[in-house]
C-alpha atoms as a PDB file:
ATOM      1  CA  UNK A   1     -24.856   4.848   9.558  1.00  0.00           C
ATOM      2  CA  UNK A   2     -22.783   2.533   9.435  1.00  0.00           C
ATOM      3  CA  UNK A   3     -24.287  -0.199   7.434  1.00  0.00           C
ATOM      4  CA  UNK A   4     -24.878   2.475   4.766  1.00  0.00           C
ATOM      5  CA  UNK A   5     -21.665   3.700   4.660  1.00  0.00           C
ATOM      6  CA  UNK A   6     -20.104   0.131   4.208  1.00  0.00           C
ATOM      7  CA  UNK A   7     -22.974  -0.787   1.394  1.00  0.00           C
ATOM      8  CA  UNK A   8     -21.879   2.478  -0.530  1.00  0.00           C
ATOM      9  CA  UNK A   9     -18.333   1.994  -0.549  1.00  0.00           C
ATOM     10  CA  UNK A  10     -18.720  -1.794  -1.362  1.00  0.00           C
ATOM     11  CA  UNK A  11     -21.239  -0.440  -4.184  1.00  0.00           C
ATOM     12  CA  UNK A  12     -18.063   1.704  -5.380  1.00  0.00           C
ATOM     13  CA  UNK A  13     -15.809  -1.182  -5.279  1.00  0.00           C
ATOM     14  CA  UNK A  14     -18.534  -3.563  -7.412  1.00  0.00           C
ATOM     15  CA  UNK A  15     -18.586  -0.144 -10.231  1.00  0.00           C
ATOM     16  CA  UNK A  16     -14.607  -0.401  -9.894  1.00  0.00           C
ATOM     17  CA  UNK A  17     -14.251  -4.323 -10.605  1.00  0.00           C
ATOM     18  CA  UNK A  18     -16.352  -4.192 -13.328  1.00  0.00           C
ATOM     19  CA  UNK A  19     -14.794  -1.332 -14.796  1.00  0.00           C
ATOM     20  CA  UNK A  20     -11.288  -3.293 -14.571  1.00  0.00           C
ATOM     21  CA  UNK A  21     -13.040  -6.627 -15.785  1.00  0.00           C
ATOM     22  CA  UNK A  22     -14.036  -7.050 -19.595  1.00  0.00           C
ATOM     23  CA  UNK A  23     -16.105 -10.235 -18.478  1.00  0.00           C
ATOM     24  CA  UNK A  24     -18.234  -8.406 -16.086  1.00  0.00           C
ATOM     25  CA  UNK A  25     -20.875  -5.981 -17.109  1.00  0.00           C
ATOM     26  CA  UNK A  26     -23.120  -3.724 -14.670  1.00  0.00           C
ATOM     27  CA  UNK A  27     -25.840  -1.296 -16.442  1.00  0.00           C
ATOM     28  CA  UNK A  28     -25.546   1.167 -13.601  1.00  0.00           C
ATOM     29  CA  UNK A  29     -24.658   2.666 -10.326  1.00  0.00           C
ATOM     30  CA  UNK A  30     -28.273   1.685  -9.019  1.00  0.00           C
ATOM     31  CA  UNK A  31     -27.704  -2.306  -9.787  1.00  0.00           C
ATOM     32  CA  UNK A  32     -24.021  -2.213  -7.957  1.00  0.00           C
ATOM     33  CA  UNK A  33     -26.327  -0.712  -5.008  1.00  0.00           C
ATOM     34  CA  UNK A  34     -28.485  -3.480  -5.280  1.00  0.00           C
ATOM     35  CA  UNK A  35     -25.764  -6.181  -6.027  1.00  0.00           C
ATOM     36  CA  UNK A  36     -23.794  -4.904  -2.995  1.00  0.00           C
ATOM     37  CA  UNK A  37     -26.754  -5.193  -0.984  1.00  0.00           C
ATOM     38  CA  UNK A  38     -27.341  -8.849  -2.348  1.00  0.00           C
ATOM     39  CA  UNK A  39     -24.079 -10.102  -1.962  1.00  0.00           C
ATOM     40  CA  UNK A  40     -24.428  -9.138   1.954  1.00  0.00           C
ATOM     41  CA  UNK A  41     -27.243 -10.960   2.316  1.00  0.00           C
ATOM     42  CA  UNK A  42     -25.803 -14.286   0.503  1.00  0.00           C
ATOM     43  CA  UNK A  43     -22.494 -14.009   2.368  1.00  0.00           C
ATOM     44  CA  UNK A  44     -24.862 -13.760   5.691  1.00  0.00           C
ATOM     45  CA  UNK A  45     -27.543 -16.494   4.413  1.00  0.00           C
ATOM     46  CA  UNK A  46     -26.193 -19.086   2.051  1.00  0.00           C
ATOM     47  CA  UNK A  47     -22.706 -19.021   2.372  1.00  0.00           C
ATOM     48  CA  UNK A  48     -22.580 -20.536   5.695  1.00  0.00           C
ATOM     49  CA  UNK A  49     -24.564 -23.522   4.602  1.00  0.00           C
ATOM     50  CA  UNK A  50     -21.967 -24.128   1.671  1.00  0.00           C
ATOM     51  CA  UNK A  51     -19.448 -23.646   3.672  1.00  0.00           C
ATOM     52  CA  UNK A  52     -20.587 -26.325   6.473  1.00  0.00           C
ATOM     53  CA  UNK A  53     -21.536 -28.593   3.175  1.00  0.00           C
ATOM     54  CA  UNK A  54     -17.996 -28.195   1.846  1.00  0.00           C
ATOM     55  CA  UNK A  55     -15.902 -28.531   4.612  1.00  0.00           C
ATOM     56  CA  UNK A  56     -13.991 -31.943   3.051  1.00  0.00           C
ATOM     57  CA  UNK A  57     -13.048 -29.660   0.052  1.00  0.00           C
ATOM     58  CA  UNK A  58     -12.263 -26.837   1.915  1.00  0.00           C
ATOM     59  CA  UNK A  59      -9.768 -28.996   4.269  1.00  0.00           C
ATOM     60  CA  UNK A  60      -8.361 -31.224   1.508  1.00  0.00           C
ATOM     61  CA  UNK A  61      -7.382 -27.914  -0.651  1.00  0.00           C
ATOM     62  CA  UNK A  62      -6.135 -25.836   2.602  1.00  0.00           C
ATOM     63  CA  UNK A  63      -8.745 -23.326   2.322  1.00  0.00           C
ATOM     64  CA  UNK A  64      -9.046 -22.559  -1.437  1.00  0.00           C
ATOM     65  CA  UNK A  65     -12.204 -23.893  -2.273  1.00  0.00           C
ATOM     66  CA  UNK A  66     -13.645 -20.692  -0.246  1.00  0.00           C
ATOM     67  CA  UNK A  67     -12.321 -19.051  -3.677  1.00  0.00           C
ATOM     68  CA  UNK A  68     -15.195 -21.744  -5.379  1.00  0.00           C
ATOM     69  CA  UNK A  69     -17.702 -20.812  -3.117  1.00  0.00           C
ATOM     70  CA  UNK A  70     -17.558 -17.041  -3.236  1.00  0.00           C
ATOM     71  CA  UNK A  71     -17.353 -17.755  -7.027  1.00  0.00           C
ATOM     72  CA  UNK A  72     -20.895 -19.373  -6.827  1.00  0.00           C
ATOM     73  CA  UNK A  73     -22.077 -16.389  -4.705  1.00  0.00           C
ATOM     74  CA  UNK A  74     -21.355 -14.025  -7.538  1.00  0.00           C
ATOM     75  CA  UNK A  75     -22.774 -16.533 -10.366  1.00  0.00           C
ATOM     76  CA  UNK A  76     -26.246 -16.554  -7.676  1.00  0.00           C
ATOM     77  CA  UNK A  77     -26.115 -13.028  -7.630  1.00  0.00           C
ATOM     78  CA  UNK A  78     -26.209 -12.872 -11.220  1.00  0.00           C
ATOM     79  CA  UNK A  79     -28.762 -15.294 -11.905  1.00  0.00           C
ATOM     80  CA  UNK A  80     -30.959 -13.296  -9.213  1.00  0.00           C
ATOM     81  CA  UNK A  81     -30.689  -9.633 -10.615  1.00  0.00           C
ATOM     82  CA  UNK A  82     -30.838 -10.824 -14.134  1.00  0.00           C
ATOM     83  CA  UNK A  83     -29.772  -8.403 -16.818  1.00  0.00           C
ATOM     84  CA  UNK A  84     -28.550  -5.796 -14.763  1.00  0.00           C
ATOM     85  CA  UNK A  85     -25.757  -7.600 -13.361  1.00  0.00           C
ATOM     86  CA  UNK A  86     -23.893 -10.133 -16.126  1.00  0.00           C
ATOM     87  CA  UNK A  87     -20.833 -12.107 -15.705  1.00  0.00           C
ATOM     88  CA  UNK A  88     -19.041 -14.217 -18.470  1.00  0.00           C
ATOM     89  CA  UNK A  89     -18.152 -17.070 -17.176  1.00  0.00           C
ATOM     90  CA  UNK A  90     -17.101 -19.070 -13.838  1.00  0.00           C
ATOM     91  CA  UNK A  91     -13.817 -17.542 -14.279  1.00  0.00           C
ATOM     92  CA  UNK A  92     -14.405 -14.559 -14.353  1.00  0.00           C
ATOM     93  CA  UNK A  93     -16.953 -14.896 -11.657  1.00  0.00           C
ATOM     94  CA  UNK A  94     -13.605 -15.861  -9.670  1.00  0.00           C
ATOM     95  CA  UNK A  95     -11.621 -12.928 -10.816  1.00  0.00           C
ATOM     96  CA  UNK A  96     -14.494 -10.546  -9.789  1.00  0.00           C
ATOM     97  CA  UNK A  97     -14.676 -12.227  -6.275  1.00  0.00           C
ATOM     98  CA  UNK A  98     -10.760 -12.234  -5.598  1.00  0.00           C
ATOM     99  CA  UNK A  99     -10.266  -8.264  -7.241  1.00  0.00           C
ATOM    100  CA  UNK A 100     -13.624  -7.426  -5.469  1.00  0.00           C
ATOM    101  CA  UNK A 101     -12.095  -8.789  -1.977  1.00  0.00           C
ATOM    102  CA  UNK A 102      -8.834  -6.642  -3.095  1.00  0.00           C
ATOM    103  CA  UNK A 103     -10.640  -3.133  -3.672  1.00  0.00           C
ATOM    104  CA  UNK A 104     -12.828  -3.650  -0.261  1.00  0.00           C
ATOM    105  CA  UNK A 105      -9.803  -4.639   1.526  1.00  0.00           C
ATOM    106  CA  UNK A 106      -8.187  -1.257   0.799  1.00  0.00           C
ATOM    107  CA  UNK A 107     -11.168   0.822   1.176  1.00  0.00           C
ATOM    108  CA  UNK A 108     -11.912  -1.185   4.767  1.00  0.00           C
ATOM    109  CA  UNK A 109      -8.314   0.156   5.625  1.00  0.00           C
ATOM    110  CA  UNK A 110      -9.438   3.313   6.307  1.00  0.00           C
ATOM    111  CA  UNK A 111     -12.126   2.914   9.439  1.00  0.00           C
ATOM    112  CA  UNK A 112     -14.569   5.669   9.541  1.00  0.00           C
ATOM    113  CA  UNK A 113     -15.533   5.968  13.503  1.00  0.00           C
ATOM    114  CA  UNK A 114     -18.015   8.584  14.800  1.00  0.00           C
ATOM    115  CA  UNK A 115     -17.008   9.460  18.635  1.00  0.00           C
ATOM    116  CA  UNK A 116     -20.239   9.128  20.532  1.00  0.00           C
ATOM    117  CA  UNK A 117     -19.933  12.356  21.741  1.00  0.00           C
ATOM    118  CA  UNK A 118     -18.986  14.067  19.071  1.00  0.00           C
ATOM    119  CA  UNK A 119     -21.120  14.833  16.220  1.00  0.00           C
ATOM    120  CA  UNK A 120     -18.430  14.782  13.260  1.00  0.00           C
ATOM    121  CA  UNK A 121     -16.926  12.182  11.583  1.00  0.00           C
ATOM    122  CA  UNK A 122     -13.360  11.112  12.103  1.00  0.00           C
ATOM    123  CA  UNK A 123     -11.546   9.236   9.789  1.00  0.00           C
ATOM    124  CA  UNK A 124      -8.808   7.210  10.941  1.00  0.00           C
ATOM    125  CA  UNK A 125      -6.023   4.242   9.808  1.00  0.00           C
ATOM    126  CA  UNK A 126      -5.858   1.039  10.756  1.00  0.00           C
ATOM    127  CA  UNK A 127      -3.170   1.542  13.178  1.00  0.00           C
ATOM    128  CA  UNK A 128      -5.510   4.378  14.973  1.00  0.00           C
ATOM    129  CA  UNK A 129      -3.743   7.576  13.835  1.00  0.00           C
ATOM    130  CA  UNK A 130      -6.475  10.156  12.547  1.00  0.00           C
ATOM    131  CA  UNK A 131      -6.353  11.244   9.392  1.00  0.00           C
ATOM    132  CA  UNK A 132      -9.418  13.872   8.728  1.00  0.00           C
END
């Protein structure tokens, strides 16, 4: 259940980011869900390989090359999804990855936890104080 909720929140973050940036075009919320799932798969499978292959560039740039890897992951997702998701250039992909990370960070600030003995959902902030 937690994965489905994170995927849905990531899809909402994708929609918000595409709305904010004029160089990113998204056809529908269904494509946002597909993009969120595809980004999760690419971040688990392709990103570690790219990080390993570019260790010297990452060290030399003090980690800033990871932003280039994130933009490349976005462009790969655009290529796979086709016409439902379009990014105008590499720079828009870079901006998309940065804004998407910020919005996902805001969403992750509210951690949703479920007590195993209790069936109701409780929402806590990062400090462990109950919100709902």
